[in-house]
Amino acid sequence: GVECDIDNESHSISAPTIGSGVYEAHLLPRFNRLCLPGNTVLDIGANVGFHATLLAKRVGPEGHVYAFEPNSENCRLILLNAEKNRLTNLTLLPIALSE
C-alpha cells in the first residue's frame, strides 16, 4: 500500500476513484508481473503520481521511476506523494512528451 494525496475539488486532476482504491485496479497485476525489483520504469502522463508511487515501491531502492507530468498542480502532488511515502527512487520530470 501507498499513501496518495489527491485534489478532491478538481475532477480534471484527480479522478474520484483514486481515493476509493479501485482506480485502474486491472493494471496492478500487470505492474506486479512486468515491473520487477531493480527495473527502471517510465510513467508518462503521471497525473498525481498514484501509479508512479506504486511502481517506485515495486522496483525498490535498486530501481527507479521517472514520472513525466506537465500539469503543475499534479507535479506538486507527485512530489508530496513521493515525500509522504519516503521514496528516493522517483524522479519527476515536469514536461509533456510527444513525438
PDB file of N, CA and C in Angstrom:
ATOM      1  N   GLY A   1       0.803  -1.187   0.000  1.00  0.00           N
ATOM      2  CA  GLY A   1       0.000   0.000   0.000  1.00  0.00           C
ATOM      3  C   GLY A   1       0.843   1.247   0.000  1.00  0.00           C
ATOM      4  N   VAL A   2       0.255   2.291  -0.500  1.00  0.00           N
ATOM      5  CA  VAL A   2       0.900   3.600  -0.518  1.00  0.00           C
ATOM      6  C   VAL A   2      -0.098   4.639  -0.050  1.00  0.00           C
ATOM      7  N   GLU A   3       0.423   5.750   0.424  1.00  0.00           N
ATOM      8  CA  GLU A   3      -0.412   6.905   0.721  1.00  0.00           C
ATOM      9  C   GLU A   3      -0.351   7.828  -0.471  1.00  0.00           C
ATOM     10  N   CYS A   4      -1.516   8.336  -0.895  1.00  0.00           N
ATOM     11  CA  CYS A   4      -1.555   9.180  -2.078  1.00  0.00           C
ATOM     12  C   CYS A   4      -2.517  10.338  -1.840  1.00  0.00           C
ATOM     13  N   ASP A   5      -1.977  11.560  -1.809  1.00  0.00           N
ATOM     14  CA  ASP A   5      -2.815  12.744  -1.706  1.00  0.00           C
ATOM     15  C   ASP A   5      -3.399  13.055  -3.073  1.00  0.00           C
ATOM     16  N   ILE A   6      -4.649  13.463  -3.078  1.00  0.00           N
ATOM     17  CA  ILE A   6      -5.316  13.840  -4.313  1.00  0.00           C
ATOM     18  C   ILE A   6      -6.015  15.172  -4.095  1.00  0.00           C
ATOM     19  N   ASP A   7      -6.490  15.768  -5.171  1.00  0.00           N
ATOM     20  CA  ASP A   7      -7.239  17.014  -5.112  1.00  0.00           C
ATOM     21  C   ASP A   7      -8.710  16.672  -5.314  1.00  0.00           C
ATOM     22  N   ASN A   8      -9.449  16.587  -4.224  1.00  0.00           N
ATOM     23  CA  ASN A   8     -10.862  16.210  -4.302  1.00  0.00           C
ATOM     24  C   ASN A   8     -11.735  17.255  -4.978  1.00  0.00           C
ATOM     25  N   GLU A   9     -11.230  18.468  -5.103  1.00  0.00           N
ATOM     26  CA  GLU A   9     -12.010  19.545  -5.707  1.00  0.00           C
ATOM     27  C   GLU A   9     -11.902  19.578  -7.227  1.00  0.00           C
ATOM     28  N   SER A  10     -10.893  18.933  -7.781  1.00  0.00           N
ATOM     29  CA  SER A  10     -10.665  19.019  -9.218  1.00  0.00           C
ATOM     30  C   SER A  10     -10.761  17.642  -9.860  1.00  0.00           C
ATOM     31  N   HIS A  11     -11.851  17.410 -10.566  1.00  0.00           N
ATOM     32  CA  HIS A  11     -12.031  16.128 -11.248  1.00  0.00           C
ATOM     33  C   HIS A  11     -11.144  16.013 -12.480  1.00  0.00           C
ATOM     34  N   SER A  12     -10.624  17.141 -12.971  1.00  0.00           N
ATOM     35  CA  SER A  12      -9.712  17.057 -14.105  1.00  0.00           C
ATOM     36  C   SER A  12      -8.319  16.629 -13.666  1.00  0.00           C
ATOM     37  N   ILE A  13      -8.016  16.797 -12.402  1.00  0.00           N
ATOM     38  CA  ILE A  13      -6.699  16.426 -11.886  1.00  0.00           C
ATOM     39  C   ILE A  13      -6.736  15.059 -11.219  1.00  0.00           C
ATOM     40  N   SER A  14      -7.719  14.795 -10.406  1.00  0.00           N
ATOM     41  CA  SER A  14      -7.780  13.539  -9.659  1.00  0.00           C
ATOM     42  C   SER A  14      -9.141  12.900  -9.808  1.00  0.00           C
ATOM     43  N   ALA A  15      -9.157  11.762 -10.436  1.00  0.00           N
ATOM     44  CA  ALA A  15     -10.412  11.024 -10.562  1.00  0.00           C
ATOM     45  C   ALA A  15     -10.869  10.595  -9.165  1.00  0.00           C
ATOM     46  N   PRO A  16     -12.164  10.700  -8.874  1.00  0.00           N
ATOM     47  CA  PRO A  16     -12.650  10.296  -7.552  1.00  0.00           C
ATOM     48  C   PRO A  16     -12.300   8.846  -7.211  1.00  0.00           C
ATOM     49  N   THR A  17     -12.115   8.024  -8.214  1.00  0.00           N
ATOM     50  CA  THR A  17     -11.820   6.616  -7.943  1.00  0.00           C
ATOM     51  C   THR A  17     -10.416   6.401  -7.386  1.00  0.00           C
ATOM     52  N   ILE A  18      -9.507   7.367  -7.536  1.00  0.00           N
ATOM     53  CA  ILE A  18      -8.175   7.200  -6.953  1.00  0.00           C
ATOM     54  C   ILE A  18      -8.302   7.048  -5.449  1.00  0.00           C
ATOM     55  N   GLY A  19      -9.114   7.872  -4.834  1.00  0.00           N
ATOM     56  CA  GLY A  19      -9.300   7.813  -3.390  1.00  0.00           C
ATOM     57  C   GLY A  19     -10.088   6.611  -2.923  1.00  0.00           C
ATOM     58  N   SER A  20     -10.799   5.968  -3.830  1.00  0.00           N
ATOM     59  CA  SER A  20     -11.641   4.836  -3.434  1.00  0.00           C
ATOM     60  C   SER A  20     -10.888   3.506  -3.423  1.00  0.00           C
ATOM     61  N   GLY A  21      -9.675   3.486  -3.979  1.00  0.00           N
ATOM     62  CA  GLY A  21      -8.898   2.248  -4.008  1.00  0.00           C
ATOM     63  C   GLY A  21      -9.187   1.350  -5.191  1.00  0.00           C
ATOM     64  N   VAL A  22     -10.018   1.799  -6.137  1.00  0.00           N
ATOM     65  CA  VAL A  22     -10.340   0.969  -7.299  1.00  0.00           C
ATOM     66  C   VAL A  22      -9.815   1.567  -8.602  1.00  0.00           C
ATOM     67  N   TYR A  23      -9.029   2.611  -8.501  1.00  0.00           N
ATOM     68  CA  TYR A  23      -8.528   3.307  -9.681  1.00  0.00           C
ATOM     69  C   TYR A  23      -7.651   2.383 -10.519  1.00  0.00           C
ATOM     70  N   GLU A  24      -8.107   2.045 -11.698  1.00  0.00           N
ATOM     71  CA  GLU A  24      -7.381   1.221 -12.660  1.00  0.00           C
ATOM     72  C   GLU A  24      -6.784  -0.037 -12.020  1.00  0.00           C
ATOM     73  N   ALA A  25      -7.593  -0.689 -11.200  1.00  0.00           N
ATOM     74  CA  ALA A  25      -7.148  -1.891 -10.485  1.00  0.00           C
ATOM     75  C   ALA A  25      -6.701  -2.999 -11.433  1.00  0.00           C
ATOM     76  N   HIS A  26      -7.211  -3.000 -12.660  1.00  0.00           N
ATOM     77  CA  HIS A  26      -6.814  -4.029 -13.630  1.00  0.00           C
ATOM     78  C   HIS A  26      -5.336  -3.939 -14.007  1.00  0.00           C
ATOM     79  N   LEU A  27      -4.693  -2.803 -13.752  1.00  0.00           N
ATOM     80  CA  LEU A  27      -3.278  -2.653 -14.090  1.00  0.00           C
ATOM     81  C   LEU A  27      -2.349  -3.244 -13.031  1.00  0.00           C
ATOM     82  N   LEU A  28      -2.818  -3.378 -11.812  1.00  0.00           N
ATOM     83  CA  LEU A  28      -1.937  -3.812 -10.732  1.00  0.00           C
ATOM     84  C   LEU A  28      -1.315  -5.183 -10.970  1.00  0.00           C
ATOM     85  N   PRO A  29      -2.076  -6.197 -11.427  1.00  0.00           N
ATOM     86  CA  PRO A  29      -1.424  -7.483 -11.715  1.00  0.00           C
ATOM     87  C   PRO A  29      -0.357  -7.376 -12.808  1.00  0.00           C
ATOM     88  N   ARG A  30      -0.591  -6.509 -13.781  1.00  0.00           N
ATOM     89  CA  ARG A  30       0.398  -6.313 -14.851  1.00  0.00           C
ATOM     90  C   ARG A  30       1.656  -5.647 -14.312  1.00  0.00           C
ATOM     91  N   PHE A  31       1.465  -4.637 -13.476  1.00  0.00           N
ATOM     92  CA  PHE A  31       2.619  -3.987 -12.853  1.00  0.00           C
ATOM     93  C   PHE A  31       3.438  -5.010 -12.077  1.00  0.00           C
ATOM     94  N   ASN A  32       2.770  -5.847 -11.309  1.00  0.00           N
ATOM     95  CA  ASN A  32       3.463  -6.844 -10.492  1.00  0.00           C
ATOM     96  C   ASN A  32       4.212  -7.866 -11.343  1.00  0.00           C
ATOM     97  N   ARG A  33       3.667  -8.167 -12.514  1.00  0.00           N
ATOM     98  CA  ARG A  33       4.297  -9.145 -13.397  1.00  0.00           C
ATOM     99  C   ARG A  33       5.459  -8.535 -14.192  1.00  0.00           C
ATOM    100  N   LEU A  34       5.292  -7.288 -14.644  1.00  0.00           N
ATOM    101  CA  LEU A  34       6.260  -6.687 -15.559  1.00  0.00           C
ATOM    102  C   LEU A  34       7.314  -5.813 -14.877  1.00  0.00           C
ATOM    103  N   CYS A  35       6.982  -5.222 -13.753  1.00  0.00           N
ATOM    104  CA  CYS A  35       7.891  -4.299 -13.078  1.00  0.00           C
ATOM    105  C   CYS A  35       8.510  -5.012 -11.887  1.00  0.00           C
ATOM    106  N   LEU A  36       9.766  -5.354 -12.037  1.00  0.00           N
ATOM    107  CA  LEU A  36      10.459  -6.155 -11.045  1.00  0.00           C
ATOM    108  C   LEU A  36      11.448  -5.307 -10.257  1.00  0.00           C
ATOM    109  N   PRO A  37      11.816  -5.764  -9.075  1.00  0.00           N
ATOM    110  CA  PRO A  37      12.829  -5.035  -8.315  1.00  0.00           C
ATOM    111  C   PRO A  37      14.073  -4.786  -9.163  1.00  0.00           C
ATOM    112  N   GLY A  38      14.547  -3.547  -9.112  1.00  0.00           N
ATOM    113  CA  GLY A  38      15.724  -3.151  -9.875  1.00  0.00           C
ATOM    114  C   GLY A  38      15.432  -2.564 -11.241  1.00  0.00           C
ATOM    115  N   ASN A  39      14.188  -2.655 -11.705  1.00  0.00           N
ATOM    116  CA  ASN A  39      13.824  -2.115 -13.026  1.00  0.00           C
ATOM    117  C   ASN A  39      13.804  -0.586 -13.021  1.00  0.00           C
ATOM    118  N   THR A  40      13.939  -0.015 -14.224  1.00  0.00           N
ATOM    119  CA  THR A  40      13.689   1.405 -14.458  1.00  0.00           C
ATOM    120  C   THR A  40      12.371   1.499 -15.201  1.00  0.00           C
ATOM    121  N   VAL A  41      11.482   2.376 -14.715  1.00  0.00           N
ATOM    122  CA  VAL A  41      10.130   2.482 -15.260  1.00  0.00           C
ATOM    123  C   VAL A  41       9.844   3.940 -15.615  1.00  0.00           C
ATOM    124  N   LEU A  42       9.154   4.156 -16.739  1.00  0.00           N
ATOM    125  CA  LEU A  42       8.690   5.488 -17.129  1.00  0.00           C
ATOM    126  C   LEU A  42       7.185   5.553 -16.941  1.00  0.00           C
ATOM    127  N   ASP A  43       6.713   6.552 -16.195  1.00  0.00           N
ATOM    128  CA  ASP A  43       5.286   6.807 -16.051  1.00  0.00           C
ATOM    129  C   ASP A  43       5.001   8.083 -16.837  1.00  0.00           C
ATOM    130  N   ILE A  44       4.492   7.916 -18.046  1.00  0.00           N
ATOM    131  CA  ILE A  44       4.268   9.054 -18.948  1.00  0.00           C
ATOM    132  C   ILE A  44       2.827   9.509 -18.807  1.00  0.00           C
ATOM    133  N   GLY A  45       2.668  10.756 -18.362  1.00  0.00           N
ATOM    134  CA  GLY A  45       1.341  11.267 -18.017  1.00  0.00           C
ATOM    135  C   GLY A  45       0.993  10.777 -16.622  1.00  0.00           C
ATOM    136  N   ALA A  46       1.825  11.126 -15.663  1.00  0.00           N
ATOM    137  CA  ALA A  46       1.761  10.546 -14.320  1.00  0.00           C
ATOM    138  C   ALA A  46       0.590  11.030 -13.464  1.00  0.00           C
ATOM    139  N   ASN A  47      -0.146  12.022 -13.921  1.00  0.00           N
ATOM    140  CA  ASN A  47      -1.277  12.547 -13.150  1.00  0.00           C
ATOM    141  C   ASN A  47      -0.788  12.946 -11.766  1.00  0.00           C
ATOM    142  N   VAL A  48      -1.350  12.431 -10.689  1.00  0.00           N
ATOM    143  CA  VAL A  48      -0.938  12.804  -9.334  1.00  0.00           C
ATOM    144  C   VAL A  48       0.115  11.864  -8.765  1.00  0.00           C
ATOM    145  N   GLY A  49       0.562  10.906  -9.566  1.00  0.00           N
ATOM    146  CA  GLY A  49       1.635  10.031  -9.140  1.00  0.00           C
ATOM    147  C   GLY A  49       1.204   8.758  -8.451  1.00  0.00           C
ATOM    148  N   PHE A  50      -0.064   8.388  -8.573  1.00  0.00           N
ATOM    149  CA  PHE A  50      -0.538   7.160  -7.927  1.00  0.00           C
ATOM    150  C   PHE A  50       0.233   5.951  -8.451  1.00  0.00           C
ATOM    151  N   HIS A  51       0.271   5.797  -9.779  1.00  0.00           N
ATOM    152  CA  HIS A  51       0.999   4.664 -10.350  1.00  0.00           C
ATOM    153  C   HIS A  51       2.499   4.801 -10.120  1.00  0.00           C
ATOM    154  N   ALA A  52       3.035   5.991 -10.272  1.00  0.00           N
ATOM    155  CA  ALA A  52       4.469   6.197 -10.062  1.00  0.00           C
ATOM    156  C   ALA A  52       4.865   5.795  -8.643  1.00  0.00           C
ATOM    157  N   THR A  53       4.028   6.128  -7.676  1.00  0.00           N
ATOM    158  CA  THR A  53       4.300   5.779  -6.289  1.00  0.00           C
ATOM    159  C   THR A  53       4.268   4.272  -6.090  1.00  0.00           C
ATOM    160  N   LEU A  54       3.232   3.621  -6.626  1.00  0.00           N
ATOM    161  CA  LEU A  54       3.152   2.159  -6.533  1.00  0.00           C
ATOM    162  C   LEU A  54       4.358   1.505  -7.204  1.00  0.00           C
ATOM    163  N   LEU A  55       4.702   2.001  -8.385  1.00  0.00           N
ATOM    164  CA  LEU A  55       5.813   1.419  -9.134  1.00  0.00           C
ATOM    165  C   LEU A  55       7.152   1.632  -8.427  1.00  0.00           C
ATOM    166  N   ALA A  56       7.346   2.791  -7.821  1.00  0.00           N
ATOM    167  CA  ALA A  56       8.586   3.057  -7.095  1.00  0.00           C
ATOM    168  C   ALA A  56       8.744   2.088  -5.928  1.00  0.00           C
ATOM    169  N   LYS A  57       7.642   1.805  -5.251  1.00  0.00           N
ATOM    170  CA  LYS A  57       7.694   0.801  -4.180  1.00  0.00           C
ATOM    171  C   LYS A  57       8.008  -0.570  -4.767  1.00  0.00           C
ATOM    172  N   ARG A  58       7.415  -0.873  -5.914  1.00  0.00           N
ATOM    173  CA  ARG A  58       7.580  -2.187  -6.529  1.00  0.00           C
ATOM    174  C   ARG A  58       9.024  -2.423  -6.997  1.00  0.00           C
ATOM    175  N   VAL A  59       9.652  -1.439  -7.647  1.00  0.00           N
ATOM    176  CA  VAL A  59      11.003  -1.630  -8.158  1.00  0.00           C
ATOM    177  C   VAL A  59      12.060  -1.512  -7.065  1.00  0.00           C
ATOM    178  N   GLY A  60      11.681  -0.936  -5.934  1.00  0.00           N
ATOM    179  CA  GLY A  60      12.568  -0.880  -4.781  1.00  0.00           C
ATOM    180  C   GLY A  60      13.734   0.079  -4.933  1.00  0.00           C
ATOM    181  N   PRO A  61      14.589   0.107  -3.932  1.00  0.00           N
ATOM    182  CA  PRO A  61      15.689   1.079  -3.922  1.00  0.00           C
ATOM    183  C   PRO A  61      16.731   0.855  -5.017  1.00  0.00           C
ATOM    184  N   GLU A  62      16.789  -0.324  -5.584  1.00  0.00           N
ATOM    185  CA  GLU A  62      17.727  -0.585  -6.681  1.00  0.00           C
ATOM    186  C   GLU A  62      17.152  -0.171  -8.034  1.00  0.00           C
ATOM    187  N   GLY A  63      15.842   0.074  -8.093  1.00  0.00           N
ATOM    188  CA  GLY A  63      15.182   0.503  -9.322  1.00  0.00           C
ATOM    189  C   GLY A  63      14.908   1.992  -9.293  1.00  0.00           C
ATOM    190  N   HIS A  64      14.269   2.471 -10.352  1.00  0.00           N
ATOM    191  CA  HIS A  64      13.945   3.903 -10.420  1.00  0.00           C
ATOM    192  C   HIS A  64      12.718   4.124 -11.291  1.00  0.00           C
ATOM    193  N   VAL A  65      11.922   5.121 -10.919  1.00  0.00           N
ATOM    194  CA  VAL A  65      10.746   5.521 -11.692  1.00  0.00           C
ATOM    195  C   VAL A  65      10.925   6.981 -12.099  1.00  0.00           C
ATOM    196  N   TYR A  66      10.703   7.257 -13.376  1.00  0.00           N
ATOM    197  CA  TYR A  66      10.697   8.612 -13.906  1.00  0.00           C
ATOM    198  C   TYR A  66       9.255   8.959 -14.249  1.00  0.00           C
ATOM    199  N   ALA A  67       8.719   9.962 -13.574  1.00  0.00           N
ATOM    200  CA  ALA A  67       7.336  10.384 -13.770  1.00  0.00           C
ATOM    201  C   ALA A  67       7.328  11.655 -14.618  1.00  0.00           C
ATOM    202  N   PHE A  68       6.675  11.595 -15.769  1.00  0.00           N
ATOM    203  CA  PHE A  68       6.544  12.741 -16.673  1.00  0.00           C
ATOM    204  C   PHE A  68       5.144  13.313 -16.523  1.00  0.00           C
ATOM    205  N   GLU A  69       5.044  14.587 -16.164  1.00  0.00           N
ATOM    206  CA  GLU A  69       3.736  15.217 -15.957  1.00  0.00           C
ATOM    207  C   GLU A  69       3.869  16.728 -16.151  1.00  0.00           C
ATOM    208  N   PRO A  70       3.144  17.316 -17.116  1.00  0.00           N
ATOM    209  CA  PRO A  70       3.264  18.747 -17.372  1.00  0.00           C
ATOM    210  C   PRO A  70       2.401  19.641 -16.478  1.00  0.00           C
ATOM    211  N   ASN A  71       1.368  19.109 -15.862  1.00  0.00           N
ATOM    212  CA  ASN A  71       0.452  19.928 -15.062  1.00  0.00           C
ATOM    213  C   ASN A  71       1.096  20.262 -13.714  1.00  0.00           C
ATOM    214  N   SER A  72       1.251  21.557 -13.417  1.00  0.00           N
ATOM    215  CA  SER A  72       1.985  21.980 -12.220  1.00  0.00           C
ATOM    216  C   SER A  72       1.308  21.523 -10.922  1.00  0.00           C
ATOM    217  N   GLU A  73      -0.007  21.520 -10.868  1.00  0.00           N
ATOM    218  CA  GLU A  73      -0.695  21.044  -9.655  1.00  0.00           C
ATOM    219  C   GLU A  73      -0.465  19.547  -9.466  1.00  0.00           C
ATOM    220  N   ASN A  74      -0.514  18.798 -10.543  1.00  0.00           N
ATOM    221  CA  ASN A  74      -0.211  17.364 -10.456  1.00  0.00           C
ATOM    222  C   ASN A  74       1.232  17.150 -10.001  1.00  0.00           C
ATOM    223  N   CYS A  75       2.151  17.966 -10.514  1.00  0.00           N
ATOM    224  CA  CYS A  75       3.556  17.856 -10.109  1.00  0.00           C
ATOM    225  C   CYS A  75       3.706  18.072  -8.613  1.00  0.00           C
ATOM    226  N   ARG A  76       2.997  19.037  -8.092  1.00  0.00           N
ATOM    227  CA  ARG A  76       3.037  19.288  -6.646  1.00  0.00           C
ATOM    228  C   ARG A  76       2.591  18.048  -5.884  1.00  0.00           C
ATOM    229  N   LEU A  77       1.521  17.414  -6.351  1.00  0.00           N
ATOM    230  CA  LEU A  77       1.007  16.228  -5.676  1.00  0.00           C
ATOM    231  C   LEU A  77       1.948  15.031  -5.831  1.00  0.00           C
ATOM    232  N   ILE A  78       2.593  14.900  -6.977  1.00  0.00           N
ATOM    233  CA  ILE A  78       3.579  13.822  -7.161  1.00  0.00           C
ATOM    234  C   ILE A  78       4.709  13.972  -6.148  1.00  0.00           C
ATOM    235  N   LEU A  79       5.234  15.186  -6.023  1.00  0.00           N
ATOM    236  CA  LEU A  79       6.323  15.418  -5.073  1.00  0.00           C
ATOM    237  C   LEU A  79       5.865  15.167  -3.640  1.00  0.00           C
ATOM    238  N   LEU A  80       4.645  15.606  -3.317  1.00  0.00           N
ATOM    239  CA  LEU A  80       4.094  15.375  -1.981  1.00  0.00           C
ATOM    240  C   LEU A  80       3.945  13.883  -1.715  1.00  0.00           C
ATOM    241  N   ASN A  81       3.441  13.143  -2.702  1.00  0.00           N
ATOM    242  CA  ASN A  81       3.241  11.699  -2.527  1.00  0.00           C
ATOM    243  C   ASN A  81       4.570  10.953  -2.422  1.00  0.00           C
ATOM    244  N   ALA A  82       5.568  11.378  -3.174  1.00  0.00           N
ATOM    245  CA  ALA A  82       6.890  10.755  -3.071  1.00  0.00           C
ATOM    246  C   ALA A  82       7.477  10.987  -1.678  1.00  0.00           C
ATOM    247  N   GLU A  83       7.327  12.211  -1.183  1.00  0.00           N
ATOM    248  CA  GLU A  83       7.833  12.528   0.156  1.00  0.00           C
ATOM    249  C   GLU A  83       7.069  11.756   1.226  1.00  0.00           C
ATOM    250  N   LYS A  84       5.756  11.738   1.110  1.00  0.00           N
ATOM    251  CA  LYS A  84       4.914  11.048   2.092  1.00  0.00           C
ATOM    252  C   LYS A  84       5.251   9.565   2.185  1.00  0.00           C
ATOM    253  N   ASN A  85       5.624   8.967   1.058  1.00  0.00           N
ATOM    254  CA  ASN A  85       5.954   7.545   1.023  1.00  0.00           C
ATOM    255  C   ASN A  85       7.457   7.283   1.138  1.00  0.00           C
ATOM    256  N   ARG A  86       8.230   8.349   1.397  1.00  0.00           N
ATOM    257  CA  ARG A  86       9.680   8.264   1.605  1.00  0.00           C
ATOM    258  C   ARG A  86      10.389   7.580   0.429  1.00  0.00           C
ATOM    259  N   LEU A  87      10.013   8.010  -0.765  1.00  0.00           N
ATOM    260  CA  LEU A  87      10.580   7.424  -1.981  1.00  0.00           C
ATOM    261  C   LEU A  87      11.750   8.269  -2.470  1.00  0.00           C
ATOM    262  N   THR A  88      12.897   7.669  -2.573  1.00  0.00           N
ATOM    263  CA  THR A  88      14.073   8.361  -3.107  1.00  0.00           C
ATOM    264  C   THR A  88      14.388   7.878  -4.519  1.00  0.00           C
ATOM    265  N   ASN A  89      13.591   6.957  -5.019  1.00  0.00           N
ATOM    266  CA  ASN A  89      13.824   6.384  -6.349  1.00  0.00           C
ATOM    267  C   ASN A  89      12.758   6.824  -7.353  1.00  0.00           C
ATOM    268  N   LEU A  90      12.163   7.982  -7.113  1.00  0.00           N
ATOM    269  CA  LEU A  90      11.161   8.535  -8.027  1.00  0.00           C
ATOM    270  C   LEU A  90      11.607   9.940  -8.418  1.00  0.00           C
ATOM    271  N   THR A  91      11.779  10.148  -9.715  1.00  0.00           N
ATOM    272  CA  THR A  91      12.185  11.455 -10.241  1.00  0.00           C
ATOM    273  C   THR A  91      11.049  12.038 -11.058  1.00  0.00           C
ATOM    274  N   LEU A  92      10.665  13.262 -10.739  1.00  0.00           N
ATOM    275  CA  LEU A  92       9.634  13.974 -11.502  1.00  0.00           C
ATOM    276  C   LEU A  92      10.285  14.786 -12.600  1.00  0.00           C
ATOM    277  N   LEU A  93       9.767  14.643 -13.800  1.00  0.00           N
ATOM    278  CA  LEU A  93      10.170  15.473 -14.932  1.00  0.00           C
ATOM    279  C   LEU A  93       8.924  16.249 -15.360  1.00  0.00           C
ATOM    280  N   PRO A  94       8.855  17.555 -15.021  1.00  0.00           N
ATOM    281  CA  PRO A  94       7.633  18.334 -15.260  1.00  0.00           C
ATOM    282  C   PRO A  94       7.496  18.794 -16.709  1.00  0.00           C
ATOM    283  N   ILE A  95       7.397  17.813 -17.604  1.00  0.00           N
ATOM    284  CA  ILE A  95       7.296  18.114 -19.031  1.00  0.00           C
ATOM    285  C   ILE A  95       6.278  17.181 -19.669  1.00  0.00           C
ATOM    286  N   ALA A  96       5.776  17.602 -20.836  1.00  0.00           N
ATOM    287  CA  ALA A  96       4.917  16.742 -21.647  1.00  0.00           C
ATOM    288  C   ALA A  96       5.791  16.036 -22.678  1.00  0.00           C
ATOM    289  N   LEU A  97       5.415  14.831 -23.027  1.00  0.00           N
ATOM    290  CA  LEU A  97       6.129  14.085 -24.056  1.00  0.00           C
ATOM    291  C   LEU A  97       5.249  13.940 -25.299  1.00  0.00           C
ATOM    292  N   SER A  98       5.882  13.969 -26.441  1.00  0.00           N
ATOM    293  CA  SER A  98       5.172  13.724 -27.709  1.00  0.00           C
ATOM    294  C   SER A  98       6.188  13.120 -28.669  1.00  0.00           C
ATOM    295  N   GLU A  99       5.883  13.191 -29.944  1.00  0.00           N
ATOM    296  CA  GLU A  99       6.780  12.627 -30.952  1.00  0.00           C
ATOM    297  C   GLU A  99       8.199  13.027 -30.691  1.00  0.00           C
TER     298      GLU A  99
END
